[in-house]
Amino acid sequence: MVEHVTDANFAKVVEENEQLVIADFWASWCGPCKMMGPIFEEAAKEVEGVTFAKINVDENPSSAAKYRVGSIPTILAIKGGKVVGTMVGFKPKAELLSFVASHR
């Protein structure tokens, strides 16, 4: 399951989460983001013990600014509120799953 995160609940869902969080920073007007969306959803269904979160950068600019997201899509692996991995741009599902596995 993918959690749709806002600036209001970002700290609770992402930073205070004890699990690995895979956070997808995206925007509705971004073509590569639209292509990445279904892949991110599929990965979330396949991987257990990891929180998958989507953050719309236009609607939630504070969260994007805090993590210095300059390009989208940007996918961050976050553990204990700290970024442990970054992936920028469209990636195939196998690469996303490998990214998740490497940060568990």
PDB file of N, CA and C in Angstrom:
ATOM      1  N   MET A   1       0.833  -1.182   0.000  1.00  0.00           N
ATOM      2  CA  MET A   1       0.000   0.000   0.000  1.00  0.00           C
ATOM      3  C   MET A   1       0.882   1.250   0.000  1.00  0.00           C
ATOM      4  N   VAL A   2       0.440   2.252  -0.720  1.00  0.00           N
ATOM      5  CA  VAL A   2       1.172   3.512  -0.794  1.00  0.00           C
ATOM      6  C   VAL A   2       0.447   4.546   0.055  1.00  0.00           C
ATOM      7  N   GLU A   3       1.191   5.222   0.901  1.00  0.00           N
ATOM      8  CA  GLU A   3       0.633   6.307   1.714  1.00  0.00           C
ATOM      9  C   GLU A   3       0.828   7.612   0.961  1.00  0.00           C
ATOM     10  N   HIS A   4      -0.237   8.405   0.874  1.00  0.00           N
ATOM     11  CA  HIS A   4      -0.134   9.726   0.255  1.00  0.00           C
ATOM     12  C   HIS A   4       0.124  10.721   1.378  1.00  0.00           C
ATOM     13  N   VAL A   5       1.322  11.267   1.375  1.00  0.00           N
ATOM     14  CA  VAL A   5       1.815  12.076   2.482  1.00  0.00           C
ATOM     15  C   VAL A   5       1.713  13.566   2.154  1.00  0.00           C
ATOM     16  N   THR A   6       1.426  14.343   3.194  1.00  0.00           N
ATOM     17  CA  THR A   6       1.364  15.797   3.063  1.00  0.00           C
ATOM     18  C   THR A   6       2.403  16.414   3.994  1.00  0.00           C
ATOM     19  N   ASP A   7       2.599  17.721   3.860  1.00  0.00           N
ATOM     20  CA  ASP A   7       3.502  18.402   4.790  1.00  0.00           C
ATOM     21  C   ASP A   7       3.036  18.206   6.228  1.00  0.00           C
ATOM     22  N   ALA A   8       1.714  18.141   6.428  1.00  0.00           N
ATOM     23  CA  ALA A   8       1.152  18.026   7.774  1.00  0.00           C
ATOM     24  C   ALA A   8       1.477  16.692   8.443  1.00  0.00           C
ATOM     25  N   ASN A   9       1.508  15.598   7.678  1.00  0.00           N
ATOM     26  CA  ASN A   9       1.766  14.290   8.305  1.00  0.00           C
ATOM     27  C   ASN A   9       3.119  13.690   7.921  1.00  0.00           C
ATOM     28  N   PHE A  10       3.952  14.458   7.241  1.00  0.00           N
ATOM     29  CA  PHE A  10       5.246  13.954   6.781  1.00  0.00           C
ATOM     30  C   PHE A  10       6.108  13.433   7.929  1.00  0.00           C
ATOM     31  N   ALA A  11       6.218  14.206   8.998  1.00  0.00           N
ATOM     32  CA  ALA A  11       7.064  13.796  10.127  1.00  0.00           C
ATOM     33  C   ALA A  11       6.595  12.458  10.691  1.00  0.00           C
ATOM     34  N   LYS A  12       5.283  12.311  10.886  1.00  0.00           N
ATOM     35  CA  LYS A  12       4.756  11.085  11.482  1.00  0.00           C
ATOM     36  C   LYS A  12       4.949   9.880  10.558  1.00  0.00           C
ATOM     37  N   VAL A  13       4.590  10.034   9.294  1.00  0.00           N
ATOM     38  CA  VAL A  13       4.627   8.896   8.363  1.00  0.00           C
ATOM     39  C   VAL A  13       6.050   8.552   7.928  1.00  0.00           C
ATOM     40  N   VAL A  14       6.887   9.550   7.730  1.00  0.00           N
ATOM     41  CA  VAL A  14       8.210   9.316   7.157  1.00  0.00           C
ATOM     42  C   VAL A  14       9.323   9.368   8.203  1.00  0.00           C
ATOM     43  N   GLU A  15       9.456  10.476   8.891  1.00  0.00           N
ATOM     44  CA  GLU A  15      10.612  10.681   9.768  1.00  0.00           C
ATOM     45  C   GLU A  15      10.555   9.886  11.066  1.00  0.00           C
ATOM     46  N   GLU A  16       9.370   9.661  11.593  1.00  0.00           N
ATOM     47  CA  GLU A  16       9.243   8.937  12.857  1.00  0.00           C
ATOM     48  C   GLU A  16       8.970   7.450  12.660  1.00  0.00           C
ATOM     49  N   ASN A  17       8.977   7.004  11.432  1.00  0.00           N
ATOM     50  CA  ASN A  17       8.689   5.618  11.098  1.00  0.00           C
ATOM     51  C   ASN A  17       9.925   4.760  11.384  1.00  0.00           C
ATOM     52  N   GLU A  18       9.734   3.635  12.058  1.00  0.00           N
ATOM     53  CA  GLU A  18      10.859   2.748  12.349  1.00  0.00           C
ATOM     54  C   GLU A  18      11.231   1.875  11.154  1.00  0.00           C
ATOM     55  N   GLN A  19      10.295   1.717  10.224  1.00  0.00           N
ATOM     56  CA  GLN A  19      10.567   0.935   9.021  1.00  0.00           C
ATOM     57  C   GLN A  19      11.333   1.791   8.012  1.00  0.00           C
ATOM     58  N   LEU A  20      11.910   1.121   7.042  1.00  0.00           N
ATOM     59  CA  LEU A  20      12.462   1.824   5.892  1.00  0.00           C
ATOM     60  C   LEU A  20      11.301   2.478   5.162  1.00  0.00           C
ATOM     61  N   VAL A  21      11.483   3.733   4.777  1.00  0.00           N
ATOM     62  CA  VAL A  21      10.472   4.447   3.998  1.00  0.00           C
ATOM     63  C   VAL A  21      11.057   4.743   2.621  1.00  0.00           C
ATOM     64  N   ILE A  22      10.302   4.389   1.589  1.00  0.00           N
ATOM     65  CA  ILE A  22      10.664   4.739   0.219  1.00  0.00           C
ATOM     66  C   ILE A  22       9.712   5.863  -0.184  1.00  0.00           C
ATOM     67  N   ALA A  23      10.258   7.067  -0.294  1.00  0.00           N
ATOM     68  CA  ALA A  23       9.457   8.270  -0.528  1.00  0.00           C
ATOM     69  C   ALA A  23       9.623   8.745  -1.967  1.00  0.00           C
ATOM     70  N   ASP A  24       8.509   8.809  -2.678  1.00  0.00           N
ATOM     71  CA  ASP A  24       8.482   9.244  -4.071  1.00  0.00           C
ATOM     72  C   ASP A  24       8.003  10.692  -4.129  1.00  0.00           C
ATOM     73  N   PHE A  25       8.903  11.613  -4.459  1.00  0.00           N
ATOM     74  CA  PHE A  25       8.546  13.023  -4.637  1.00  0.00           C
ATOM     75  C   PHE A  25       8.206  13.213  -6.111  1.00  0.00           C
ATOM     76  N   TRP A  26       6.987  13.691  -6.390  1.00  0.00           N
ATOM     77  CA  TRP A  26       6.473  13.733  -7.754  1.00  0.00           C
ATOM     78  C   TRP A  26       5.591  14.958  -7.956  1.00  0.00           C
ATOM     79  N   ALA A  27       5.140  15.155  -9.207  1.00  0.00           N
ATOM     80  CA  ALA A  27       4.170  16.206  -9.534  1.00  0.00           C
ATOM     81  C   ALA A  27       3.252  15.704 -10.641  1.00  0.00           C
ATOM     82  N   SER A  28       2.031  16.195 -10.651  1.00  0.00           N
ATOM     83  CA  SER A  28       1.040  15.715 -11.616  1.00  0.00           C
ATOM     84  C   SER A  28       1.380  16.079 -13.059  1.00  0.00           C
ATOM     85  N   TRP A  29       2.139  17.128 -13.282  1.00  0.00           N
ATOM     86  CA  TRP A  29       2.488  17.580 -14.629  1.00  0.00           C
ATOM     87  C   TRP A  29       3.746  16.905 -15.178  1.00  0.00           C
ATOM     88  N   CYS A  30       4.397  16.087 -14.380  1.00  0.00           N
ATOM     89  CA  CYS A  30       5.688  15.477 -14.726  1.00  0.00           C
ATOM     90  C   CYS A  30       5.475  14.144 -15.450  1.00  0.00           C
ATOM     91  N   GLY A  31       5.883  14.079 -16.724  1.00  0.00           N
ATOM     92  CA  GLY A  31       5.731  12.858 -17.518  1.00  0.00           C
ATOM     93  C   GLY A  31       6.416  11.641 -16.920  1.00  0.00           C
ATOM     94  N   PRO A  32       7.713  11.741 -16.582  1.00  0.00           N
ATOM     95  CA  PRO A  32       8.376  10.587 -15.970  1.00  0.00           C
ATOM     96  C   PRO A  32       7.736  10.167 -14.643  1.00  0.00           C
ATOM     97  N   CYS A  33       7.185  11.130 -13.904  1.00  0.00           N
ATOM     98  CA  CYS A  33       6.490  10.811 -12.647  1.00  0.00           C
ATOM     99  C   CYS A  33       5.256   9.957 -12.927  1.00  0.00           C
ATOM    100  N   LYS A  34       4.527  10.313 -13.972  1.00  0.00           N
ATOM    101  CA  LYS A  34       3.324   9.549 -14.347  1.00  0.00           C
ATOM    102  C   LYS A  34       3.699   8.128 -14.752  1.00  0.00           C
ATOM    103  N   MET A  35       4.839   7.976 -15.429  1.00  0.00           N
ATOM    104  CA  MET A  35       5.300   6.640 -15.826  1.00  0.00           C
ATOM    105  C   MET A  35       5.758   5.842 -14.607  1.00  0.00           C
ATOM    106  N   MET A  36       6.335   6.506 -13.639  1.00  0.00           N
ATOM    107  CA  MET A  36       6.873   5.848 -12.440  1.00  0.00           C
ATOM    108  C   MET A  36       5.756   5.434 -11.483  1.00  0.00           C
ATOM    109  N   GLY A  37       4.638   6.154 -11.492  1.00  0.00           N
ATOM    110  CA  GLY A  37       3.537   5.905 -10.553  1.00  0.00           C
ATOM    111  C   GLY A  37       3.091   4.453 -10.461  1.00  0.00           C
ATOM    112  N   PRO A  38       2.713   3.827 -11.580  1.00  0.00           N
ATOM    113  CA  PRO A  38       2.255   2.428 -11.520  1.00  0.00           C
ATOM    114  C   PRO A  38       3.347   1.468 -11.053  1.00  0.00           C
ATOM    115  N   ILE A  39       4.592   1.745 -11.406  1.00  0.00           N
ATOM    116  CA  ILE A  39       5.713   0.903 -10.982  1.00  0.00           C
ATOM    117  C   ILE A  39       5.880   0.994  -9.470  1.00  0.00           C
ATOM    118  N   PHE A  40       5.769   2.205  -8.943  1.00  0.00           N
ATOM    119  CA  PHE A  40       5.879   2.428  -7.500  1.00  0.00           C
ATOM    120  C   PHE A  40       4.752   1.688  -6.769  1.00  0.00           C
ATOM    121  N   GLU A  41       3.533   1.757  -7.310  1.00  0.00           N
ATOM    122  CA  GLU A  41       2.377   1.069  -6.714  1.00  0.00           C
ATOM    123  C   GLU A  41       2.595  -0.449  -6.710  1.00  0.00           C
ATOM    124  N   GLU A  42       3.088  -0.989  -7.814  1.00  0.00           N
ATOM    125  CA  GLU A  42       3.344  -2.433  -7.898  1.00  0.00           C
ATOM    126  C   GLU A  42       4.400  -2.857  -6.878  1.00  0.00           C
ATOM    127  N   ALA A  43       5.462  -2.088  -6.773  1.00  0.00           N
ATOM    128  CA  ALA A  43       6.532  -2.414  -5.825  1.00  0.00           C
ATOM    129  C   ALA A  43       5.999  -2.406  -4.399  1.00  0.00           C
ATOM    130  N   ALA A  44       5.143  -1.445  -4.099  1.00  0.00           N
ATOM    131  CA  ALA A  44       4.569  -1.349  -2.755  1.00  0.00           C
ATOM    132  C   ALA A  44       3.750  -2.591  -2.411  1.00  0.00           C
ATOM    133  N   LYS A  45       3.088  -3.176  -3.392  1.00  0.00           N
ATOM    134  CA  LYS A  45       2.297  -4.386  -3.157  1.00  0.00           C
ATOM    135  C   LYS A  45       3.183  -5.613  -2.969  1.00  0.00           C
ATOM    136  N   GLU A  46       4.349  -5.600  -3.589  1.00  0.00           N
ATOM    137  CA  GLU A  46       5.233  -6.763  -3.567  1.00  0.00           C
ATOM    138  C   GLU A  46       6.179  -6.814  -2.372  1.00  0.00           C
ATOM    139  N   VAL A  47       6.522  -5.674  -1.815  1.00  0.00           N
ATOM    140  CA  VAL A  47       7.541  -5.612  -0.768  1.00  0.00           C
ATOM    141  C   VAL A  47       6.873  -5.420   0.592  1.00  0.00           C
ATOM    142  N   GLU A  48       7.167  -6.313   1.520  1.00  0.00           N
ATOM    143  CA  GLU A  48       6.610  -6.206   2.868  1.00  0.00           C
ATOM    144  C   GLU A  48       7.629  -5.592   3.813  1.00  0.00           C
ATOM    145  N   GLY A  49       7.141  -4.957   4.873  1.00  0.00           N
ATOM    146  CA  GLY A  49       8.021  -4.409   5.883  1.00  0.00           C
ATOM    147  C   GLY A  49       8.676  -3.095   5.505  1.00  0.00           C
ATOM    148  N   VAL A  50       8.171  -2.474   4.445  1.00  0.00           N
ATOM    149  CA  VAL A  50       8.681  -1.189   3.980  1.00  0.00           C
ATOM    150  C   VAL A  50       7.477  -0.276   3.752  1.00  0.00           C
ATOM    151  N   THR A  51       7.597   0.981   4.168  1.00  0.00           N
ATOM    152  CA  THR A  51       6.539   1.959   3.924  1.00  0.00           C
ATOM    153  C   THR A  51       6.838   2.695   2.621  1.00  0.00           C
ATOM    154  N   PHE A  52       5.890   2.683   1.711  1.00  0.00           N
ATOM    155  CA  PHE A  52       6.007   3.428   0.462  1.00  0.00           C
ATOM    156  C   PHE A  52       5.133   4.673   0.581  1.00  0.00           C
ATOM    157  N   ALA A  53       5.738   5.839   0.315  1.00  0.00           N
ATOM    158  CA  ALA A  53       5.038   7.106   0.473  1.00  0.00           C
ATOM    159  C   ALA A  53       5.201   7.958  -0.772  1.00  0.00           C
ATOM    160  N   LYS A  54       4.124   8.632  -1.173  1.00  0.00           N
ATOM    161  CA  LYS A  54       4.171   9.556  -2.308  1.00  0.00           C
ATOM    162  C   LYS A  54       3.912  10.968  -1.783  1.00  0.00           C
ATOM    163  N   ILE A  55       4.741  11.909  -2.249  1.00  0.00           N
ATOM    164  CA  ILE A  55       4.629  13.301  -1.820  1.00  0.00           C
ATOM    165  C   ILE A  55       4.563  14.172  -3.069  1.00  0.00           C
ATOM    166  N   ASN A  56       3.421  14.833  -3.266  1.00  0.00           N
ATOM    167  CA  ASN A  56       3.253  15.751  -4.388  1.00  0.00           C
ATOM    168  C   ASN A  56       3.998  17.039  -4.046  1.00  0.00           C
ATOM    169  N   VAL A  57       5.039  17.371  -4.815  1.00  0.00           N
ATOM    170  CA  VAL A  57       5.892  18.514  -4.481  1.00  0.00           C
ATOM    171  C   VAL A  57       5.181  19.856  -4.648  1.00  0.00           C
ATOM    172  N   ASP A  58       4.186  19.923  -5.522  1.00  0.00           N
ATOM    173  CA  ASP A  58       3.452  21.174  -5.712  1.00  0.00           C
ATOM    174  C   ASP A  58       2.530  21.457  -4.532  1.00  0.00           C
ATOM    175  N   GLU A  59       1.932  20.411  -3.990  1.00  0.00           N
ATOM    176  CA  GLU A  59       1.002  20.572  -2.868  1.00  0.00           C
ATOM    177  C   GLU A  59       1.716  20.554  -1.514  1.00  0.00           C
ATOM    178  N   ASN A  60       2.934  20.050  -1.485  1.00  0.00           N
ATOM    179  CA  ASN A  60       3.679  19.899  -0.226  1.00  0.00           C
ATOM    180  C   ASN A  60       5.125  20.386  -0.388  1.00  0.00           C
ATOM    181  N   PRO A  61       5.288  21.666  -0.632  1.00  0.00           N
ATOM    182  CA  PRO A  61       6.627  22.191  -0.930  1.00  0.00           C
ATOM    183  C   PRO A  61       7.606  22.135   0.244  1.00  0.00           C
ATOM    184  N   SER A  62       7.107  22.176   1.472  1.00  0.00           N
ATOM    185  CA  SER A  62       8.015  22.166   2.625  1.00  0.00           C
ATOM    186  C   SER A  62       8.795  20.857   2.737  1.00  0.00           C
ATOM    187  N   SER A  63       8.109  19.753   2.535  1.00  0.00           N
ATOM    188  CA  SER A  63       8.773  18.448   2.608  1.00  0.00           C
ATOM    189  C   SER A  63       9.811  18.314   1.504  1.00  0.00           C
ATOM    190  N   ALA A  64       9.460  18.751   0.301  1.00  0.00           N
ATOM    191  CA  ALA A  64      10.398  18.681  -0.823  1.00  0.00           C
ATOM    192  C   ALA A  64      11.613  19.572  -0.559  1.00  0.00           C
ATOM    193  N   ALA A  65      11.378  20.764  -0.022  1.00  0.00           N
ATOM    194  CA  ALA A  65      12.480  21.697   0.256  1.00  0.00           C
ATOM    195  C   ALA A  65      13.399  21.154   1.345  1.00  0.00           C
ATOM    196  N   LYS A  66      12.803  20.541   2.365  1.00  0.00           N
ATOM    197  CA  LYS A  66      13.593  20.009   3.471  1.00  0.00           C
ATOM    198  C   LYS A  66      14.610  18.976   2.989  1.00  0.00           C
ATOM    199  N   TYR A  67      14.207  18.171   2.024  1.00  0.00           N
ATOM    200  CA  TYR A  67      15.085  17.136   1.499  1.00  0.00           C
ATOM    201  C   TYR A  67      15.779  17.564   0.201  1.00  0.00           C
ATOM    202  N   ARG A  68      15.685  18.840  -0.115  1.00  0.00           N
ATOM    203  CA  ARG A  68      16.366  19.444  -1.271  1.00  0.00           C
ATOM    204  C   ARG A  68      16.087  18.703  -2.568  1.00  0.00           C
ATOM    205  N   VAL A  69      14.820  18.405  -2.776  1.00  0.00           N
ATOM    206  CA  VAL A  69      14.414  17.734  -3.999  1.00  0.00           C
ATOM    207  C   VAL A  69      14.410  18.777  -5.120  1.00  0.00           C
ATOM    208  N   GLY A  70      15.318  18.622  -6.070  1.00  0.00           N
ATOM    209  CA  GLY A  70      15.442  19.577  -7.159  1.00  0.00           C
ATOM    210  C   GLY A  70      14.916  19.053  -8.480  1.00  0.00           C
ATOM    211  N   SER A  71      14.907  17.751  -8.644  1.00  0.00           N
ATOM    212  CA  SER A  71      14.417  17.109  -9.858  1.00  0.00           C
ATOM    213  C   SER A  71      13.385  16.070  -9.456  1.00  0.00           C
ATOM    214  N   ILE A  72      12.431  15.843 -10.351  1.00  0.00           N
ATOM    215  CA  ILE A  72      11.427  14.829 -10.060  1.00  0.00           C
ATOM    216  C   ILE A  72      11.282  13.913 -11.272  1.00  0.00           C
ATOM    217  N   PRO A  73      10.914  12.672 -11.059  1.00  0.00           N
ATOM    218  CA  PRO A  73      10.719  12.069  -9.746  1.00  0.00           C
ATOM    219  C   PRO A  73      12.054  11.842  -9.014  1.00  0.00           C
ATOM    220  N   THR A  74      12.000  12.060  -7.720  1.00  0.00           N
ATOM    221  CA  THR A  74      13.110  11.703  -6.836  1.00  0.00           C
ATOM    222  C   THR A  74      12.566  10.709  -5.829  1.00  0.00           C
ATOM    223  N   ILE A  75      13.238   9.592  -5.687  1.00  0.00           N
ATOM    224  CA  ILE A  75      12.835   8.584  -4.710  1.00  0.00           C
ATOM    225  C   ILE A  75      13.941   8.500  -3.671  1.00  0.00           C
ATOM    226  N   LEU A  76      13.557   8.713  -2.423  1.00  0.00           N
ATOM    227  CA  LEU A  76      14.507   8.665  -1.316  1.00  0.00           C
ATOM    228  C   LEU A  76      14.237   7.438  -0.461  1.00  0.00           C
ATOM    229  N   ALA A  77      15.294   6.796  -0.007  1.00  0.00           N
ATOM    230  CA  ALA A  77      15.206   5.740   1.007  1.00  0.00           C
ATOM    231  C   ALA A  77      15.533   6.441   2.320  1.00  0.00           C
ATOM    232  N   ILE A  78      14.597   6.386   3.276  1.00  0.00           N
ATOM    233  CA  ILE A  78      14.766   7.103   4.538  1.00  0.00           C
ATOM    234  C   ILE A  78      14.610   6.119   5.694  1.00  0.00           C
ATOM    235  N   LYS A  79      15.597   6.136   6.591  1.00  0.00           N
ATOM    236  CA  LYS A  79      15.565   5.295   7.794  1.00  0.00           C
ATOM    237  C   LYS A  79      15.800   6.205   8.987  1.00  0.00           C
ATOM    238  N   GLY A  80      14.905   6.159   9.950  1.00  0.00           N
ATOM    239  CA  GLY A  80      15.071   6.964  11.154  1.00  0.00           C
ATOM    240  C   GLY A  80      15.204   8.451  10.867  1.00  0.00           C
ATOM    241  N   GLY A  81      14.514   8.920   9.832  1.00  0.00           N
ATOM    242  CA  GLY A  81      14.548  10.327   9.475  1.00  0.00           C
ATOM    243  C   GLY A  81      15.767  10.745   8.672  1.00  0.00           C
ATOM    244  N   LYS A  82      16.661   9.803   8.357  1.00  0.00           N
ATOM    245  CA  LYS A  82      17.878  10.120   7.599  1.00  0.00           C
ATOM    246  C   LYS A  82      17.824   9.472   6.211  1.00  0.00           C
ATOM    247  N   VAL A  83      18.229  10.227   5.222  1.00  0.00           N
ATOM    248  CA  VAL A  83      18.275   9.701   3.855  1.00  0.00           C
ATOM    249  C   VAL A  83      19.454   8.742   3.742  1.00  0.00           C
ATOM    250  N   VAL A  84      19.157   7.512   3.319  1.00  0.00           N
ATOM    251  CA  VAL A  84      20.208   6.504   3.144  1.00  0.00           C
ATOM    252  C   VAL A  84      20.410   6.138   1.684  1.00  0.00           C
ATOM    253  N   GLY A  85      19.551   6.676   0.819  1.00  0.00           N
ATOM    254  CA  GLY A  85      19.698   6.416  -0.612  1.00  0.00           C
ATOM    255  C   GLY A  85      18.838   7.348  -1.431  1.00  0.00           C
ATOM    256  N   THR A  86      19.294   7.646  -2.644  1.00  0.00           N
ATOM    257  CA  THR A  86      18.569   8.543  -3.546  1.00  0.00           C
ATOM    258  C   THR A  86      18.566   7.964  -4.952  1.00  0.00           C
ATOM    259  N   MET A  87      17.419   8.072  -5.598  1.00  0.00           N
ATOM    260  CA  MET A  87      17.270   7.645  -6.982  1.00  0.00           C
ATOM    261  C   MET A  87      16.496   8.747  -7.706  1.00  0.00           C
ATOM    262  N   VAL A  88      17.024   9.256  -8.807  1.00  0.00           N
ATOM    263  CA  VAL A  88      16.385  10.358  -9.525  1.00  0.00           C
ATOM    264  C   VAL A  88      16.033   9.919 -10.935  1.00  0.00           C
ATOM    265  N   GLY A  89      14.826  10.289 -11.367  1.00  0.00           N
ATOM    266  CA  GLY A  89      14.380   9.982 -12.721  1.00  0.00           C
ATOM    267  C   GLY A  89      13.605   8.686 -12.803  1.00  0.00           C
ATOM    268  N   PHE A  90      13.040   8.440 -13.974  1.00  0.00           N
ATOM    269  CA  PHE A  90      12.288   7.211 -14.204  1.00  0.00           C
ATOM    270  C   PHE A  90      13.227   6.015 -14.152  1.00  0.00           C
ATOM    271  N   LYS A  91      12.788   4.970 -13.465  1.00  0.00           N
ATOM    272  CA  LYS A  91      13.556   3.726 -13.374  1.00  0.00           C
ATOM    273  C   LYS A  91      12.607   2.550 -13.596  1.00  0.00           C
ATOM    274  N   PRO A  92      13.088   1.481 -14.229  1.00  0.00           N
ATOM    275  CA  PRO A  92      12.253   0.285 -14.374  1.00  0.00           C
ATOM    276  C   PRO A  92      12.026  -0.371 -13.010  1.00  0.00           C
ATOM    277  N   LYS A  93      11.006  -1.197 -12.955  1.00  0.00           N
ATOM    278  CA  LYS A  93      10.622  -1.851 -11.702  1.00  0.00           C
ATOM    279  C   LYS A  93      11.772  -2.628 -11.070  1.00  0.00           C
ATOM    280  N   ALA A  94      12.521  -3.360 -11.865  1.00  0.00           N
ATOM    281  CA  ALA A  94      13.635  -4.157 -11.316  1.00  0.00           C
ATOM    282  C   ALA A  94      14.646  -3.264 -10.608  1.00  0.00           C
ATOM    283  N   GLU A  95      14.891  -2.093 -11.163  1.00  0.00           N
ATOM    284  CA  GLU A  95      15.854  -1.179 -10.545  1.00  0.00           C
ATOM    285  C   GLU A  95      15.297  -0.604  -9.240  1.00  0.00           C
ATOM    286  N   LEU A  96      14.007  -0.306  -9.224  1.00  0.00           N
ATOM    287  CA  LEU A  96      13.377   0.186  -7.990  1.00  0.00           C
ATOM    288  C   LEU A  96      13.438  -0.888  -6.908  1.00  0.00           C
ATOM    289  N   LEU A  97      13.103  -2.120  -7.261  1.00  0.00           N
ATOM    290  CA  LEU A  97      13.131  -3.209  -6.280  1.00  0.00           C
ATOM    291  C   LEU A  97      14.556  -3.453  -5.759  1.00  0.00           C
ATOM    292  N   SER A  98      15.537  -3.339  -6.623  1.00  0.00           N
ATOM    293  CA  SER A  98      16.932  -3.492  -6.217  1.00  0.00           C
ATOM    294  C   SER A  98      17.337  -2.366  -5.264  1.00  0.00           C
ATOM    295  N   PHE A  99      16.899  -1.149  -5.570  1.00  0.00           N
ATOM    296  CA  PHE A  99      17.170   0.013  -4.714  1.00  0.00           C
ATOM    297  C   PHE A  99      16.589  -0.218  -3.318  1.00  0.00           C
ATOM    298  N   VAL A 100      15.345  -0.683  -3.263  1.00  0.00           N
ATOM    299  CA  VAL A 100      14.688  -0.956  -1.973  1.00  0.00           C
ATOM    300  C   VAL A 100      15.469  -2.032  -1.212  1.00  0.00           C
ATOM    301  N   ALA A 101      15.784  -3.130  -1.879  1.00  0.00           N
ATOM    302  CA  ALA A 101      16.486  -4.244  -1.232  1.00  0.00           C
ATOM    303  C   ALA A 101      17.850  -3.826  -0.693  1.00  0.00           C
ATOM    304  N   SER A 102      18.514  -2.931  -1.384  1.00  0.00           N
ATOM    305  CA  SER A 102      19.857  -2.524  -0.964  1.00  0.00           C
ATOM    306  C   SER A 102      19.857  -1.634   0.284  1.00  0.00           C
ATOM    307  N   HIS A 103      18.687  -1.158   0.684  1.00  0.00           N
ATOM    308  CA  HIS A 103      18.604  -0.273   1.850  1.00  0.00           C
ATOM    309  C   HIS A 103      17.828  -0.876   3.020  1.00  0.00           C
ATOM    310  N   ARG A 104      17.510  -2.146   2.937  1.00  0.00           N
ATOM    311  CA  ARG A 104      16.747  -2.804   4.003  1.00  0.00           C
ATOM    312  C   ARG A 104      17.607  -3.090   5.194  1.00  0.00           C
TER     313      ARG A 104
END
